[in-house]
Amino acid sequence: MSEARMFEGFEQRRVAVSGTEINLRLGGSGPALLLLHGYPQTHVMWHRIAPRLAERFTVVCADLRGYGDSGKPESGAPIGDSSHAAYSKRAMAADQAEVMTALGFERFCVVGHDRGARVTHRLLLDHGARVDKAAVLDIAPTLDMYEATDRAFAEAYYHWFFLIQPFDLPERMIAADPDYYLEKKIGKWSKVGGCFGPEALAEYKRCFRDPATIHATCEDYRAAATIDLEHDRADRGRKLVPPLLVLWGQLGVIERCYDVLGLWRQRAETVEGRALPCGHFLAEEAPEETLAALLAFL
């Protein structure tokens, strides 16, 4: 099964935004729904639920900048840039707001997983007037996670501290065997055996083998530990207005380490959610439960 078969009835597009291009799949009809993936994946992570969401929504599955087949703006030490601003969640959220404008959607709903959920959080802060409803999958707010870091979290999410090391230590180490690294990461975070379809896994590997992707994704995490925290601290106390659904894996780190709903209720005016019977990759480990929760909320 090719990527096109996984998204049968969807069309592929590239949309020019400020400073890069965003690759996406577009399908269905009805109100607009933007789906944003996480690390180290691509928009393909939605392949089990996007076609069914497209029965009720116009679904946009986008690759974040730096990921998949989207553009990869230069950033960091190779160009003498210490700000990592090109991969700030503010820049990545602006990409997606521009994508939706280019597609003709002034208002939309958004669902983000992992890094895509962090982009969703920033999208709600910077462009919240355009969002009707939003869902974040398997994250707690970035600032809260960093400020409450302890040994249990650091051991479970060691990659947060590995990927932010100065260029080009993590890049070289990952590039030595990117397939092994990717399989080990998603294998550890998932708790449902066989959840990754071979076609989807092949797509993740194809994209992650690109040295530009490896560097860009490190820059994503470097930004999260620097400029993103500055932006988040500046917005401390601001509450998200659109209704927010929070879903997370009952068998994962977020469940084990955080009062997930409690943290998001400090950040948003209207919050609901629950844990699902899986690890980190909700849309692939528990697609039926994830789909049902999203449809009931949206």
Protein backbone atom coordinates (compact mmCIF):
# COMPACT_ATOMS: atom_id res chain seq x y z
CA MET A 1 0.00 0.00 0.00
CA SER A 2 1.52 3.33 -1.05
CA GLU A 3 1.09 6.63 0.77
CA ALA A 4 -1.59 7.53 -1.77
CA ARG A 5 -3.48 4.33 -0.94
CA MET A 6 -3.30 5.12 2.77
CA PHE A 7 -4.99 8.44 1.94
CA GLU A 8 -7.27 7.30 -0.84
CA GLY A 9 -9.42 10.17 -2.07
CA PHE A 10 -6.99 12.78 -0.71
CA GLU A 11 -4.93 15.05 -2.94
CA GLN A 12 -1.35 16.07 -2.23
CA ARG A 13 -0.44 19.75 -2.27
CA ARG A 14 2.49 22.00 -1.49
CA VAL A 15 1.60 25.40 -0.07
CA ALA A 16 4.06 28.30 0.00
CA VAL A 17 4.19 30.07 3.37
CA SER A 18 6.57 32.62 4.87
CA GLY A 19 10.05 31.18 4.46
CA THR A 20 9.23 27.63 3.40
CA GLU A 21 6.70 25.26 1.80
CA ILE A 22 4.32 22.92 3.59
CA ASN A 23 3.48 19.50 2.19
CA LEU A 24 -0.02 18.24 2.94
CA ARG A 25 -2.85 15.89 2.05
CA LEU A 26 -6.33 17.33 1.58
CA GLY A 27 -9.56 15.34 1.49
CA GLY A 28 -13.21 15.16 2.47
CA SER A 29 -15.86 17.84 2.76
CA GLY A 30 -17.44 19.89 5.50
CA PRO A 31 -15.89 22.11 8.19
CA ALA A 32 -12.10 22.39 8.05
CA LEU A 33 -10.01 20.18 10.35
CA LEU A 34 -6.21 20.48 10.55
CA LEU A 35 -4.22 17.46 11.78
CA LEU A 36 -0.62 17.95 12.97
CA HIS A 37 1.80 15.09 13.61
CA GLY A 38 4.65 14.60 16.07
CA TYR A 39 8.27 13.44 16.28
CA PRO A 40 9.79 11.52 14.52
CA GLN A 41 6.84 11.02 12.19
CA THR A 42 4.99 12.76 9.36
CA HIS A 43 1.36 13.42 8.41
CA VAL A 44 1.13 9.69 7.61
CA MET A 45 0.55 8.99 11.32
CA TRP A 46 -3.11 9.94 10.73
CA HIS A 47 -3.68 7.31 8.02
CA ARG A 48 -5.96 5.13 10.17
CA ILE A 49 -8.38 7.91 11.12
CA ALA A 50 -8.06 10.71 8.54
CA PRO A 51 -10.18 8.96 5.87
CA ARG A 52 -12.96 8.45 8.39
CA LEU A 53 -12.74 12.02 9.66
CA ALA A 54 -13.01 13.09 6.02
CA GLU A 55 -16.54 11.70 5.96
CA ARG A 56 -17.55 14.71 8.11
CA PHE A 57 -14.77 17.26 7.67
CA THR A 58 -12.47 18.73 5.08
CA VAL A 59 -9.28 17.23 6.50
CA VAL A 60 -5.85 18.80 6.09
CA CYS A 61 -2.97 16.52 7.11
CA ALA A 62 0.17 18.66 7.04
CA ASP A 63 3.86 17.96 7.51
CA LEU A 64 5.35 20.44 9.98
CA ARG A 65 8.24 22.51 8.68
CA GLY A 66 11.43 20.44 8.98
CA TYR A 67 9.50 17.16 8.82
CA GLY A 68 8.32 14.84 6.08
CA ASP A 69 8.29 16.47 2.66
CA SER A 70 7.83 20.02 3.92
CA GLY A 71 10.59 22.58 3.52
CA LYS A 72 13.49 22.68 5.94
CA PRO A 73 14.63 26.26 6.55
CA GLU A 74 18.27 26.69 7.53
CA SER A 75 18.76 27.23 11.23
CA GLY A 76 21.25 27.00 14.05
CA ALA A 77 25.02 26.76 14.14
CA PRO A 78 25.56 25.99 10.41
CA ILE A 79 24.40 29.52 9.57
CA GLY A 80 25.61 31.21 12.75
CA ASP A 81 22.11 31.43 14.24
CA SER A 82 21.82 30.88 17.98
CA SER A 83 18.12 31.78 18.25
CA HIS A 84 16.61 28.63 16.66
CA ALA A 85 13.75 30.98 15.71
CA ALA A 86 13.13 29.21 12.41
CA TYR A 87 11.83 26.23 14.41
CA SER A 88 10.05 28.11 17.16
CA LYS A 89 6.51 26.94 17.71
CA ARG A 90 5.48 30.48 16.83
CA ALA A 91 6.98 30.07 13.33
CA MET A 92 5.57 26.57 12.95
CA ALA A 93 2.10 27.68 14.06
CA ALA A 94 2.23 30.63 11.66
CA ASP A 95 2.96 28.16 8.85
CA GLN A 96 -0.24 26.28 9.54
CA ALA A 97 -2.33 29.43 9.89
CA GLU A 98 -1.03 30.53 6.49
CA VAL A 99 -1.77 27.09 5.03
CA MET A 100 -5.39 27.29 6.15
CA THR A 101 -5.72 30.79 4.72
CA ALA A 102 -4.25 29.64 1.40
CA LEU A 103 -6.73 26.75 1.29
CA GLY A 104 -9.61 29.15 1.86
CA PHE A 105 -10.41 28.32 5.49
CA GLU A 106 -10.71 31.36 7.73
CA ARG A 107 -11.91 29.21 10.65
CA PHE A 108 -11.03 25.63 11.47
CA CYS A 109 -10.56 22.99 14.14
CA VAL A 110 -7.13 21.55 14.89
CA VAL A 111 -5.84 18.30 16.39
CA GLY A 112 -2.16 17.93 17.24
CA HIS A 113 -0.10 15.02 18.52
CA ASP A 114 3.26 15.34 20.30
CA ARG A 115 5.25 18.15 18.58
CA GLY A 116 2.14 18.95 16.56
CA ALA A 117 0.26 19.40 19.83
CA ARG A 118 2.87 21.93 20.97
CA VAL A 119 2.41 23.75 17.68
CA THR A 120 -1.35 23.57 18.34
CA HIS A 121 -0.86 25.17 21.76
CA ARG A 122 1.04 28.07 20.19
CA LEU A 123 -1.50 28.29 17.35
CA LEU A 124 -4.23 28.78 19.95
CA LEU A 125 -2.23 31.52 21.66
CA ASP A 126 -1.27 33.39 18.49
CA HIS A 127 -4.23 32.65 16.20
CA GLY A 128 -6.92 31.47 18.60
CA ALA A 129 -9.64 33.68 17.10
CA ARG A 130 -9.56 31.45 14.02
CA VAL A 131 -9.93 28.14 15.88
CA ASP A 132 -13.34 26.72 16.75
CA LYS A 133 -12.11 23.73 18.78
CA ALA A 134 -8.77 22.06 19.42
CA ALA A 135 -7.39 18.78 20.72
CA VAL A 136 -3.91 18.00 22.01
CA LEU A 137 -2.74 14.39 22.17
CA ASP A 138 -0.29 13.06 24.77
CA ILE A 139 1.40 16.21 25.98
CA ALA A 140 1.46 18.45 29.00
CA PRO A 141 2.37 22.12 28.42
CA THR A 142 6.06 22.51 27.49
CA LEU A 143 6.83 25.12 30.14
CA ASP A 144 5.30 23.01 32.90
CA MET A 145 7.25 19.96 31.79
CA TYR A 146 10.57 21.78 31.79
CA GLU A 147 9.95 23.56 35.09
CA ALA A 148 8.93 20.32 36.82
CA THR A 149 11.75 18.19 35.37
CA ASP A 150 12.86 15.45 37.71
CA ARG A 151 14.78 12.22 37.31
CA ALA A 152 11.74 10.16 36.31
CA PHE A 153 10.86 12.54 33.49
CA ALA A 154 14.47 12.99 32.37
CA GLU A 155 14.97 9.23 32.11
CA ALA A 156 11.72 8.71 30.22
CA TYR A 157 12.19 11.69 27.88
CA TYR A 158 15.97 11.70 27.65
CA HIS A 159 15.65 12.67 23.97
CA TRP A 160 14.54 16.16 25.04
CA PHE A 161 18.01 16.69 26.52
CA PHE A 162 19.92 14.74 23.86
CA LEU A 163 18.44 16.54 20.86
CA ILE A 164 19.14 20.01 22.30
CA GLN A 165 22.89 19.37 22.56
CA PRO A 166 24.97 21.71 20.38
CA PHE A 167 25.30 21.01 16.66
CA ASP A 168 26.32 18.55 15.42
CA LEU A 169 26.58 15.89 18.13
CA PRO A 170 23.00 14.53 17.98
CA GLU A 171 22.87 14.96 14.21
CA ARG A 172 25.95 12.79 13.67
CA MET A 173 24.89 10.14 16.16
CA ILE A 174 21.38 9.79 14.69
CA ALA A 175 22.64 9.87 11.09
CA ALA A 176 24.93 6.92 11.82
CA ASP A 177 21.83 4.66 11.74
CA PRO A 178 18.58 6.66 11.42
CA ASP A 179 16.39 3.57 10.87
CA TYR A 180 17.61 2.02 14.12
CA TYR A 181 17.14 5.27 16.03
CA LEU A 182 13.60 5.79 14.72
CA GLU A 183 12.53 2.22 15.41
CA LYS A 184 13.94 2.31 18.93
CA LYS A 185 12.21 5.59 19.73
CA ILE A 186 8.75 4.71 18.49
CA GLY A 187 9.09 1.15 19.78
CA LYS A 188 9.80 2.38 23.31
CA TRP A 189 6.99 4.93 23.34
CA SER A 190 4.33 2.59 21.96
CA LYS A 191 2.65 -0.06 24.12
CA VAL A 192 0.47 -1.88 21.55
CA GLY A 193 2.42 -4.42 19.53
CA GLY A 194 2.22 -4.20 15.76
CA CYS A 195 0.59 -0.77 15.81
CA PHE A 196 2.75 0.68 13.05
CA GLY A 197 1.71 -0.46 9.60
CA PRO A 198 4.66 -1.42 7.37
CA GLU A 199 3.74 1.19 4.78
CA ALA A 200 3.58 3.94 7.39
CA LEU A 201 6.86 2.83 8.95
CA ALA A 202 8.52 2.86 5.53
CA GLU A 203 7.37 6.47 5.05
CA TYR A 204 8.72 7.53 8.45
CA LYS A 205 12.08 5.97 7.62
CA ARG A 206 12.23 7.46 4.13
CA CYS A 207 11.77 10.96 5.48
CA PHE A 208 13.92 10.55 8.58
CA ARG A 209 16.93 9.33 6.59
CA ASP A 210 17.34 12.82 5.15
CA PRO A 211 20.17 14.64 7.02
CA ALA A 212 18.21 17.88 6.60
CA THR A 213 15.29 16.32 8.48
CA ILE A 214 17.56 15.09 11.26
CA HIS A 215 19.03 18.58 11.69
CA ALA A 216 15.65 20.33 11.45
CA THR A 217 14.09 18.08 14.07
CA CYS A 218 17.00 18.75 16.43
CA GLU A 219 16.40 22.46 15.85
CA ASP A 220 12.73 21.92 16.75
CA TYR A 221 13.82 20.63 20.17
CA ARG A 222 16.52 23.28 20.58
CA ALA A 223 13.87 25.92 19.98
CA ALA A 224 11.61 24.25 22.55
CA ALA A 225 14.32 24.64 25.20
CA THR A 226 15.10 28.27 24.37
CA ILE A 227 12.93 30.66 22.36
CA ASP A 228 9.72 28.69 22.95
CA LEU A 229 10.17 28.98 26.70
CA GLU A 230 10.62 32.75 26.33
CA HIS A 231 7.36 32.95 24.40
CA ASP A 232 5.55 30.70 26.87
CA ARG A 233 6.75 32.69 29.87
CA ALA A 234 5.57 35.90 28.22
CA ASP A 235 2.11 34.32 27.86
CA ARG A 236 1.96 32.88 31.36
CA GLY A 237 -1.52 33.53 32.73
CA ARG A 238 -3.23 33.84 29.34
CA LYS A 239 -5.97 31.27 28.95
CA LEU A 240 -6.85 29.53 25.72
CA VAL A 241 -10.39 30.44 24.67
CA PRO A 242 -11.46 27.70 22.19
CA PRO A 243 -12.76 24.50 23.82
CA LEU A 244 -9.90 22.05 24.33
CA LEU A 245 -9.92 18.25 24.31
CA VAL A 246 -6.95 16.55 25.98
CA LEU A 247 -6.25 12.88 25.26
CA TRP A 248 -3.27 10.86 26.43
CA GLY A 249 -2.01 7.30 26.68
CA GLN A 250 -2.92 5.49 29.88
CA LEU A 251 0.26 3.40 29.58
CA GLY A 252 2.62 6.27 28.82
CA VAL A 253 4.87 8.84 30.46
CA ILE A 254 2.34 11.69 30.47
CA GLU A 255 -0.09 9.62 32.54
CA ARG A 256 2.67 8.55 34.91
CA CYS A 257 4.27 11.94 35.50
CA TYR A 258 1.54 14.60 35.32
CA ASP A 259 -1.92 15.67 36.40
CA VAL A 260 -2.75 16.19 32.74
CA LEU A 261 -6.21 17.74 33.02
CA GLY A 262 -5.16 19.82 36.00
CA LEU A 263 -2.29 21.40 34.08
CA TRP A 264 -4.40 22.14 31.01
CA ARG A 265 -7.19 23.62 33.14
CA GLN A 266 -4.65 26.19 34.28
CA ARG A 267 -4.04 27.03 30.61
CA ALA A 268 -7.49 26.92 29.02
CA GLU A 269 -10.99 28.11 29.87
CA THR A 270 -12.82 24.94 28.80
CA VAL A 271 -11.08 21.56 29.04
CA GLU A 272 -12.24 17.97 28.85
CA GLY A 273 -10.43 14.72 28.21
CA ARG A 274 -9.27 11.33 29.36
CA ALA A 275 -6.63 8.64 29.00
CA LEU A 276 -6.95 6.02 26.26
CA PRO A 277 -5.73 2.39 26.52
CA CYS A 278 -2.39 2.80 24.76
CA GLY A 279 1.03 4.37 24.86
CA HIS A 280 2.15 7.54 23.12
CA PHE A 281 0.84 7.01 19.58
CA LEU A 282 -2.92 7.29 20.09
CA ALA A 283 -3.98 7.48 16.45
CA GLU A 284 -2.06 4.30 15.59
CA GLU A 285 -2.28 2.32 18.84
CA ALA A 286 -5.93 3.09 19.61
CA PRO A 287 -7.45 4.43 16.39
CA GLU A 288 -11.06 3.50 17.18
CA GLU A 289 -10.98 5.09 20.62
CA THR A 290 -9.15 8.16 19.31
CA LEU A 291 -11.61 8.58 16.44
CA ALA A 292 -14.63 8.20 18.72
CA ALA A 293 -13.29 10.78 21.17
CA LEU A 294 -12.50 13.28 18.42
CA LEU A 295 -15.87 12.88 16.70
CA ALA A 296 -17.77 13.27 19.97
CA PHE A 297 -15.85 16.45 20.77
CA LEU A 298 -15.67 18.05 17.33
